Protein backbone atom coordinates (compact mmCIF):
# COMPACT_ATOMS: atom_id res chain seq x y z
CA UNK A 1 -101.85 215.20 -111.54
CA UNK A 2 -100.55 212.06 -111.30
CA UNK A 3 -101.42 209.43 -108.97
CA UNK A 4 -97.49 207.73 -107.34
CA UNK A 5 -97.40 204.18 -105.46
CA UNK A 6 -94.62 204.72 -102.81
CA UNK A 7 -93.47 201.87 -101.48
CA UNK A 8 -91.85 202.20 -97.73
CA UNK A 9 -89.26 204.97 -97.04
CA UNK A 10 -85.65 204.84 -96.73
CA UNK A 11 -84.18 204.63 -93.16
CA UNK A 12 -87.43 204.11 -92.29
CA UNK A 13 -88.44 207.74 -91.48
CA UNK A 14 -87.01 209.51 -94.55
CA UNK A 15 -90.13 211.78 -95.66
CA UNK A 16 -88.19 213.79 -98.49
CA UNK A 17 -90.20 211.91 -101.48
CA UNK A 18 -93.21 211.92 -99.82
CA UNK A 19 -92.81 216.03 -99.55
CA UNK A 20 -92.04 215.91 -103.04
CA UNK A 21 -95.07 214.50 -104.23
CA UNK A 22 -96.77 216.95 -102.32
CA UNK A 23 -95.36 219.90 -103.53
CA UNK A 24 -95.66 218.92 -106.76
CA UNK A 25 -99.41 218.86 -106.35
CA UNK A 26 -99.29 214.60 -106.87
CA UNK A 27 -101.60 212.37 -105.31
CA UNK A 28 -100.06 209.16 -103.53
CA UNK A 29 -100.74 205.76 -102.43
CA UNK A 30 -98.47 204.57 -99.84
CA UNK A 31 -97.26 200.61 -98.94
CA UNK A 32 -95.81 199.15 -96.73
CA UNK A 33 -95.52 195.65 -94.67
CA UNK A 34 -95.95 197.87 -91.15
CA UNK A 35 -97.83 200.82 -91.15
CA UNK A 36 -97.26 201.14 -87.29
CA UNK A 37 -93.83 201.73 -87.42
CA UNK A 38 -94.26 205.00 -89.44
CA UNK A 39 -97.54 205.91 -87.17
CA UNK A 40 -95.33 206.04 -84.00
CA UNK A 41 -93.52 208.62 -85.84
CA UNK A 42 -95.48 211.99 -85.36
CA UNK A 43 -93.89 213.79 -88.34
CA UNK A 44 -93.78 210.70 -90.64
CA UNK A 45 -97.22 210.08 -89.85
CA UNK A 46 -98.55 213.45 -90.53
CA UNK A 47 -97.38 213.37 -93.98
CA UNK A 48 -98.73 210.28 -94.68
CA UNK A 49 -102.05 211.35 -93.94
CA UNK A 50 -102.10 213.35 -97.14
CA UNK A 51 -101.90 209.40 -98.73
CA UNK A 52 -104.95 209.13 -100.62
CA UNK A 53 -104.68 205.37 -99.10
CA UNK A 54 -102.13 203.61 -96.70
CA UNK A 55 -102.19 200.15 -97.76
CA UNK A 56 -100.33 197.58 -95.13
CA UNK A 57 -99.42 193.82 -96.51
CA UNK A 58 -97.76 192.43 -93.32
CA UNK A 59 -96.04 189.84 -94.62
CA UNK A 60 -95.48 191.76 -98.14
CA UNK A 61 -96.22 188.13 -99.96
CA UNK A 62 -96.10 189.46 -103.48
CA UNK A 63 -99.50 187.69 -104.56
CA UNK A 64 -100.89 189.62 -102.20
CA UNK A 65 -99.09 192.65 -102.55
CA UNK A 66 -99.84 192.44 -106.52
CA UNK A 67 -104.01 191.71 -105.84
CA UNK A 68 -104.18 194.84 -103.12
CA UNK A 69 -102.26 197.06 -105.92
CA UNK A 70 -104.33 195.90 -109.14
CA UNK A 71 -107.38 196.54 -106.86
CA UNK A 72 -105.93 200.06 -106.53
CA UNK A 73 -105.21 200.29 -110.03
CA UNK A 74 -108.47 199.52 -111.24
CA UNK A 75 -110.30 202.23 -108.94
CA UNK A 76 -107.72 204.97 -109.85
CA UNK A 77 -105.14 204.31 -112.35
CA UNK A 78 -101.29 204.56 -110.76
CA UNK A 79 -99.20 206.47 -112.80
CA UNK A 80 -95.72 205.34 -111.38
CA UNK A 81 -94.22 203.25 -108.74
CA UNK A 82 -91.30 204.75 -106.60
CA UNK A 83 -89.74 202.62 -104.24
CA UNK A 84 -86.05 203.98 -102.74
CA UNK A 85 -85.41 200.92 -100.30
CA UNK A 86 -83.34 198.03 -101.72
CA UNK A 87 -85.51 195.43 -99.68
CA UNK A 88 -88.33 196.29 -101.87
CA UNK A 89 -86.77 197.01 -104.94
CA UNK A 90 -87.96 193.48 -106.57
CA UNK A 91 -91.19 194.04 -105.61
CA UNK A 92 -91.45 197.19 -106.61
CA UNK A 93 -89.81 196.46 -109.95
CA UNK A 94 -92.45 193.32 -110.63
CA UNK A 95 -95.20 195.82 -109.66
CA UNK A 96 -94.39 198.42 -112.36
CA UNK A 97 -94.18 195.57 -114.95
CA UNK A 98 -97.21 194.49 -114.23
CA UNK A 99 -99.11 197.58 -114.56
CA UNK A 100 -97.12 198.51 -117.48
CA UNK A 101 -94.94 201.66 -116.28
CA UNK A 102 -91.45 202.78 -116.32
CA UNK A 103 -89.30 201.39 -114.20
CA UNK A 104 -85.99 198.85 -114.28
CA UNK A 105 -86.95 195.83 -115.21
CA UNK A 106 -87.66 192.75 -112.81
CA UNK A 107 -84.81 190.57 -114.47
CA UNK A 108 -82.52 193.28 -113.42
CA UNK A 109 -83.77 194.36 -109.79
CA UNK A 110 -83.43 190.42 -108.99
CA UNK A 111 -79.68 190.75 -110.61
CA UNK A 112 -78.89 193.82 -108.39
CA UNK A 113 -80.09 192.49 -105.07
CA UNK A 114 -77.46 190.21 -105.00
CA UNK A 115 -73.66 191.13 -105.29
CA UNK A 116 -72.03 187.91 -105.99
CA UNK A 117 -74.70 187.27 -109.31
CA UNK A 118 -73.41 191.08 -110.12
CA UNK A 119 -70.19 190.07 -110.03
CA UNK A 120 -71.08 187.11 -112.01
CA UNK A 121 -72.69 188.93 -115.03
CA UNK A 122 -69.83 191.45 -115.10
CA UNK A 123 -67.29 188.77 -115.49
CA UNK A 124 -68.93 187.21 -118.07
CA UNK A 125 -69.14 190.99 -119.51
CA UNK A 126 -65.07 191.19 -119.41
CA UNK A 127 -65.28 194.16 -117.24
CA UNK A 128 -62.59 194.50 -115.12
CA UNK A 129 -63.67 194.15 -111.24
CA UNK A 130 -61.85 192.36 -107.89
CA UNK A 131 -61.60 188.86 -107.78
CA UNK A 132 -64.57 187.31 -105.98
CA UNK A 133 -66.23 184.03 -104.40
CA UNK A 134 -69.36 182.96 -103.55
CA UNK A 135 -69.71 181.63 -99.06
CA UNK A 136 -72.56 180.08 -97.57
CA UNK A 137 -70.69 178.60 -94.70
CA UNK A 138 -67.95 179.14 -92.44
CA UNK A 139 -65.85 176.64 -94.11
CA UNK A 140 -66.21 178.11 -97.70
CA UNK A 141 -65.67 181.20 -96.11
CA UNK A 142 -62.54 179.88 -94.55
CA UNK A 143 -61.64 177.75 -98.34
CA UNK A 144 -62.69 181.70 -100.21
CA UNK A 145 -59.90 183.22 -97.92
CA UNK A 146 -57.26 180.80 -98.49
CA UNK A 147 -58.00 180.89 -102.42
CA UNK A 148 -58.09 184.79 -103.18
CA UNK A 149 -55.34 185.86 -100.48
CA UNK A 150 -55.18 188.50 -97.70
CA UNK A 151 -56.35 191.12 -97.87
CA UNK A 152 -59.97 190.49 -98.25
CA UNK A 153 -63.54 191.91 -98.06
CA UNK A 154 -66.31 190.19 -96.92
CA UNK A 155 -69.90 191.45 -97.20
CA UNK A 156 -73.48 189.91 -97.49
CA UNK A 157 -74.84 189.57 -100.83
CA UNK A 158 -78.07 191.13 -99.85
CA UNK A 159 -76.74 193.82 -97.67
CA UNK A 160 -76.85 197.23 -98.39
CA UNK A 161 -76.05 200.44 -95.92
CA UNK A 162 -72.25 199.19 -94.88
CA UNK A 163 -74.10 196.55 -92.55
CA UNK A 164 -71.95 193.51 -91.71
CA UNK A 165 -68.72 193.85 -93.55
CA UNK A 166 -65.33 192.44 -92.35
CA UNK A 167 -61.97 192.66 -93.75
CA UNK A 168 -59.30 190.71 -93.14
CA UNK A 169 -55.99 192.42 -93.77
CA UNK A 170 -53.53 190.14 -92.68
CA UNK A 171 -52.78 186.90 -91.16
CA UNK A 172 -52.84 188.42 -87.65
CA UNK A 173 -56.50 188.93 -88.51
CA UNK A 174 -56.92 185.24 -88.86
CA UNK A 175 -55.30 184.48 -85.11
CA UNK A 176 -56.51 181.98 -82.90
CA UNK A 177 -57.88 184.60 -80.52
CA UNK A 178 -60.07 186.34 -83.14
CA UNK A 179 -61.06 183.32 -85.24
CA UNK A 180 -63.49 185.51 -87.35
CA UNK A 181 -63.96 183.02 -89.94
CA UNK A 182 -65.41 180.31 -87.22
CA UNK A 183 -68.58 181.93 -86.48
CA UNK A 184 -69.08 184.32 -89.09
CA UNK A 185 -72.30 182.83 -90.74
CA UNK A 186 -75.20 183.02 -90.20
CA UNK A 187 -75.34 186.35 -89.80
CA UNK A 188 -78.94 186.62 -88.86
CA UNK A 189 -79.17 189.92 -89.56
CA UNK A 190 -82.44 192.24 -89.43
CA UNK A 191 -82.60 194.40 -92.55
CA UNK A 192 -86.12 195.69 -90.84
CA UNK A 193 -89.65 194.98 -91.69
CA UNK A 194 -89.52 191.68 -91.54
CA UNK A 195 -86.60 190.84 -93.71
CA UNK A 196 -83.65 189.40 -92.67
CA UNK A 197 -80.25 188.67 -94.29
CA UNK A 198 -80.00 184.98 -97.05
CA UNK A 199 -76.43 184.71 -95.00
CA UNK A 200 -74.69 184.29 -98.49
CA UNK A 201 -72.02 186.30 -98.57
CA UNK A 202 -69.68 187.85 -101.28
CA UNK A 203 -65.96 187.37 -100.56
CA UNK A 204 -63.55 189.60 -102.80
CA UNK A 205 -60.12 191.19 -102.91
CA UNK A 206 -60.25 194.20 -100.77
CA UNK A 207 -59.32 197.49 -102.77
CA UNK A 208 -57.64 200.56 -101.84
CA UNK A 209 -57.60 203.82 -103.41
CA UNK A 210 -59.78 206.82 -103.69
CA UNK A 211 -63.55 205.87 -103.13
CA UNK A 212 -66.29 207.23 -104.80
CA UNK A 213 -70.32 207.28 -105.99
CA UNK A 214 -71.47 208.17 -109.16
CA UNK A 215 -75.65 209.03 -109.17
CA UNK A 216 -76.79 208.09 -112.65
CA UNK A 217 -80.53 208.52 -114.63
CA UNK A 218 -81.55 206.40 -117.16
CA UNK A 219 -84.63 206.84 -119.39
CA UNK A 220 -85.05 203.77 -121.81
CA UNK A 221 -81.76 202.08 -121.86
CA UNK A 222 -79.63 205.72 -121.82
CA UNK A 223 -77.59 207.13 -119.17
CA UNK A 224 -76.92 210.36 -117.91
CA UNK A 225 -74.39 211.04 -115.37
CA UNK A 226 -75.09 213.49 -112.47
CA UNK A 227 -72.41 214.10 -110.61
CA UNK A 228 -69.57 212.19 -108.45
CA UNK A 229 -69.13 211.89 -104.59
CA UNK A 230 -65.69 211.78 -103.07
CA UNK A 231 -66.44 209.92 -99.86
CA UNK A 232 -64.77 209.43 -96.54
CA UNK A 233 -64.59 206.47 -94.35
CA UNK A 234 -64.14 206.81 -90.57
CA UNK A 235 -61.37 205.17 -89.34
CA UNK A 236 -60.71 201.34 -89.51
CA UNK A 237 -62.71 199.35 -88.24
CA UNK A 238 -65.91 201.08 -89.13
CA UNK A 239 -67.30 201.47 -92.53
CA UNK A 240 -69.40 204.15 -91.84
CA UNK A 241 -69.22 207.09 -94.18
CA UNK A 242 -67.64 210.45 -92.46
CA UNK A 243 -68.72 212.60 -95.36
CA UNK A 244 -68.74 213.38 -99.10
CA UNK A 245 -67.99 216.04 -101.62
CA UNK A 246 -70.39 215.93 -104.76
CA UNK A 247 -69.41 217.84 -108.12
CA UNK A 248 -71.91 218.08 -110.52
CA UNK A 249 -71.06 216.62 -114.29
CA UNK A 250 -68.60 214.15 -115.05
CA UNK A 251 -65.63 216.37 -116.12
CA UNK A 252 -63.09 215.07 -115.07
CA UNK A 253 -64.48 211.55 -114.58
CA UNK A 254 -64.87 210.67 -118.36
CA UNK A 255 -62.96 207.32 -117.98
CA UNK A 256 -65.19 206.63 -114.95
CA UNK A 257 -68.24 207.37 -116.66
CA UNK A 258 -67.55 205.02 -119.54
CA UNK A 259 -67.04 202.48 -117.07
CA UNK A 260 -70.09 203.03 -115.15
CA UNK A 261 -72.61 203.41 -118.43
CA UNK A 262 -70.97 200.09 -119.38
CA UNK A 263 -72.05 198.25 -116.23
CA UNK A 264 -74.94 199.36 -116.25
CA UNK A 265 -75.38 198.17 -119.82
CA UNK A 266 -73.96 194.91 -118.39
CA UNK A 267 -76.53 194.06 -115.90
CA UNK A 268 -79.46 195.33 -118.07
CA UNK A 269 -80.26 198.75 -116.08
CA UNK A 270 -82.72 200.23 -118.44
CA UNK A 271 -84.87 202.88 -116.23
CA UNK A 272 -84.35 204.64 -113.13
CA UNK A 273 -82.14 206.32 -110.61
CA UNK A 274 -78.58 204.50 -109.51
CA UNK A 275 -75.77 205.27 -107.10
CA UNK A 276 -72.72 203.29 -107.95
CA UNK A 277 -70.00 203.11 -105.96
CA UNK A 278 -66.37 202.48 -106.99
CA UNK A 279 -62.94 202.33 -105.69
CA UNK A 280 -60.46 204.33 -108.00
CA UNK A 281 -57.64 201.80 -107.52
CA UNK A 282 -54.08 202.27 -109.51
CA UNK A 283 -55.47 199.72 -112.11
CA UNK A 284 -58.47 201.95 -112.95
CA UNK A 285 -61.75 202.08 -111.90
CA UNK A 286 -63.21 198.96 -110.07
CA UNK A 287 -66.93 198.00 -108.99
CA UNK A 288 -67.89 198.25 -105.33
CA UNK A 289 -71.37 197.74 -105.89
CA UNK A 290 -74.47 199.04 -107.62
CA UNK A 291 -77.60 199.91 -105.95
CA UNK A 292 -80.69 200.27 -108.05
CA UNK A 293 -81.94 203.44 -106.38
CA UNK A 294 -81.75 207.15 -105.32
CA UNK A 295 -78.89 207.40 -103.00
CA UNK A 296 -79.71 207.24 -99.34
CA UNK A 297 -79.17 208.67 -95.93
CA UNK A 298 -80.83 212.32 -97.04
CA UNK A 299 -77.73 212.83 -99.67
CA UNK A 300 -80.47 213.67 -102.41
CA UNK A 301 -80.73 216.97 -100.72
CA UNK A 302 -76.81 217.55 -101.11
CA UNK A 303 -76.86 216.73 -104.96
CA UNK A 304 -79.93 218.91 -105.01
CA UNK A 305 -77.68 222.14 -103.58
CA UNK A 306 -75.30 221.77 -106.00
CA UNK A 307 -77.88 220.72 -109.18
CA UNK A 308 -80.38 223.85 -108.12
CA UNK A 309 -83.23 221.96 -107.95
CA UNK A 310 -84.78 218.73 -106.23
CA UNK A 311 -83.46 215.24 -107.07
CA UNK A 312 -86.90 213.81 -105.41
CA UNK A 313 -88.93 215.77 -108.20
CA UNK A 314 -86.32 214.79 -110.74
CA UNK A 315 -87.25 210.98 -109.88
CA UNK A 316 -90.98 211.23 -109.81
CA UNK A 317 -90.65 213.34 -113.68
CA UNK A 318 -88.08 210.10 -114.62
CA UNK A 319 -90.75 207.57 -113.67
CA UNK A 320 -93.72 209.50 -115.01
CA UNK A 321 -91.76 210.37 -118.43
CA UNK A 322 -91.78 214.05 -118.25
CA UNK A 323 -89.02 216.13 -119.09
CA UNK A 324 -85.66 216.54 -117.06
CA UNK A 325 -83.71 219.48 -116.58
CA UNK A 326 -80.57 218.76 -118.53
CA UNK A 327 -78.08 221.71 -117.04
CA UNK A 328 -77.03 221.82 -113.60
CA UNK A 329 -77.63 224.80 -111.99
CA UNK A 330 -74.09 225.58 -110.59
CA UNK A 331 -70.76 227.13 -111.12
CA UNK A 332 -68.16 225.13 -112.45
CA UNK A 333 -65.82 224.94 -109.07
CA UNK A 334 -68.95 225.02 -106.80
CA UNK A 335 -69.14 221.92 -104.41
CA UNK A 336 -71.73 220.23 -101.71
CA UNK A 337 -70.32 218.95 -98.71
CA UNK A 338 -71.35 216.85 -96.22
CA UNK A 339 -70.45 215.84 -92.95
CA UNK A 340 -72.03 213.34 -90.24
CA UNK A 341 -72.16 214.01 -86.51
CA UNK A 342 -71.37 210.56 -84.50
CA UNK A 343 -71.07 209.65 -80.77
CA UNK A 344 -67.43 208.58 -79.47
CA UNK A 345 -68.34 205.74 -77.15
CA UNK A 346 -71.49 203.60 -76.66
CA UNK A 347 -74.25 205.05 -74.47
CA UNK A 348 -78.30 206.43 -74.74
CA UNK A 349 -78.61 209.92 -76.25
CA UNK A 350 -79.61 212.54 -74.26
CA UNK A 351 -79.06 215.56 -76.80
CA UNK A 352 -76.69 216.96 -79.15
CA UNK A 353 -75.75 220.32 -78.71
CA UNK A 354 -75.36 222.41 -82.07
CA UNK A 355 -73.07 225.75 -83.02
CA UNK A 356 -75.30 228.07 -84.37
CA UNK A 357 -75.73 227.85 -88.10
CA UNK A 358 -75.31 231.47 -88.76
CA UNK A 359 -72.95 231.36 -92.36
CA UNK A 360 -75.25 231.18 -95.50
CA UNK A 361 -73.18 228.68 -96.88
CA UNK A 362 -74.67 225.94 -94.15
CA UNK A 363 -77.52 224.87 -95.93
CA UNK A 364 -78.94 222.25 -94.05
CA UNK A 365 -78.68 220.41 -90.14
CA UNK A 366 -80.39 217.55 -88.99
CA UNK A 367 -80.25 215.28 -86.43
CA UNK A 368 -81.84 211.84 -87.06
CA UNK A 369 -81.54 210.44 -83.73
CA UNK A 370 -83.69 211.77 -80.56
CA UNK A 371 -83.40 211.15 -76.85
CA UNK A 372 -83.70 207.73 -75.62
CA UNK A 373 -81.88 206.52 -79.01
CA UNK A 374 -79.16 204.02 -78.40
CA UNK A 375 -75.74 205.40 -80.10
CA UNK A 376 -72.21 204.05 -80.33
CA UNK A 377 -69.21 204.90 -82.10
CA UNK A 378 -69.66 204.59 -85.80
CA UNK A 379 -68.79 201.20 -87.19
CA UNK A 380 -71.92 201.08 -89.99
CA UNK A 381 -74.07 203.90 -91.29
CA UNK A 382 -76.81 203.41 -88.84
CA UNK A 383 -74.88 204.47 -86.21
CA UNK A 384 -74.19 208.48 -87.36
CA UNK A 385 -76.27 210.68 -85.65
CA UNK A 386 -76.91 213.80 -88.17
CA UNK A 387 -75.28 215.61 -90.34
CA UNK A 388 -74.80 219.44 -91.87
CA UNK A 389 -74.39 220.49 -95.61
CA UNK A 390 -72.43 223.17 -96.99
CA UNK A 391 -72.68 224.73 -100.47
CA UNK A 392 -70.03 227.19 -101.70
CA UNK A 393 -67.97 228.11 -104.69
CA UNK A 394 -64.70 226.75 -102.95
CA UNK A 395 -64.71 223.01 -102.32
CA UNK A 396 -62.07 223.62 -99.69
CA UNK A 397 -63.65 226.46 -97.61
CA UNK A 398 -67.04 224.49 -97.46
CA UNK A 399 -64.95 221.76 -96.22
CA UNK A 400 -63.89 223.56 -93.68
CA UNK A 401 -66.90 225.08 -92.94
CA UNK A 402 -68.14 221.40 -92.55
CA UNK A 403 -65.52 220.02 -90.54
CA UNK A 404 -65.89 222.44 -88.29
CA UNK A 405 -69.15 222.39 -87.57
CA UNK A 406 -69.09 218.84 -86.77
CA UNK A 407 -65.72 219.61 -84.51
CA UNK A 408 -68.07 222.13 -81.90
CA UNK A 409 -71.24 219.98 -82.25
CA UNK A 410 -71.28 217.84 -78.64
CA UNK A 411 -73.14 214.74 -78.35
CA UNK A 412 -74.49 214.30 -74.87
CA UNK A 413 -75.41 211.11 -73.44
CA UNK A 414 -77.98 210.03 -71.17
CA UNK A 415 -75.97 211.39 -67.67
CA UNK A 416 -77.10 214.72 -69.02
CA UNK A 417 -80.78 215.63 -68.01
CA UNK A 418 -81.77 218.30 -70.82
CA UNK A 419 -84.05 218.21 -73.88
CA UNK A 420 -82.84 217.21 -77.02
CA UNK A 421 -81.63 219.57 -79.25
CA UNK A 422 -82.31 219.98 -83.02
CA UNK A 423 -81.46 222.66 -85.82
CA UNK A 424 -84.19 223.35 -88.50
CA UNK A 425 -83.68 222.15 -92.05
């Protein structure tokens, strides 16, 4: 039985890593800046009650975090540090290093939390990527846009989850009525748990092409591709994901695999899970961003359906140094498809009426928002309400089934008075 230190939960409510630890028979201690955030959620609180200990460090000031964790380690050895949330990745890496545990090294964790620094490192190594610039004021943003030329994409250097992204496609977007560059900064974005954006923004050439994501595991500097996501976005100006299709392995993506592994080597990624987003452009693959963690938004469940095993189990095993399953358990053409349920306008959620998931290929349906939550048409990933996951031998049929399910889902706003409905996962 291993003792795991789990730091925060992705999305503030995703308990899959906790459930995986419980199912494996491992002990875990939970570390957070705001335990009350989790205790207010009955289902989350119930699972966290199984923790050996719950540690709260309200400021998450690192010296105090380390002191508390070292005391825990002295009393009951910690065997792995697990963190699936971007805003705590640096602290997680430092703690693991201090305890002598398997984890991405602290220098790489810090590098990957700043998208501009990643661009600079890849430029040093001669890896193809879009032209880019850093801006820390509105005037610097304007100068960067003038230097790079339109179209450009602007995003927080420390951001994640498709938050606060701006695209300027043509001169009309710079018109005096819009003035997007005059009041862009400061963002003052709240990432939750007491963490705010640092207001450094990356300005880069806007890319078009096929948008994909690659899931990888790395152990002692050796990388393995788990598979590739074909990603779909909602219509502009949204940058929220409408859905994806995951295919195991790298067959047909050999050039992408070489590019991804070269980027991981360039940033010194030596241990752990990573999710790398790319645009397949006319000039070849180009990096969107490297996430030094497991893919989020419940998508590990999607990958698990395709691989025939729990991806969270695999992540725990990876950090413990246990042997990993090598071969995916799937048919060569099988595909796992995800589609998101969203609102078409702003309002207060009353309920979601879902069609009956009576097809065996529908593997998981879950609503992440509940009655009383504010909703709006999707602009970023946090606006998504719920999802359906479909797994089947024929991709086109799986996609059609998922699209049909979402099309028949009805998002009811506050004018309806019935109780919220959810489907079990």
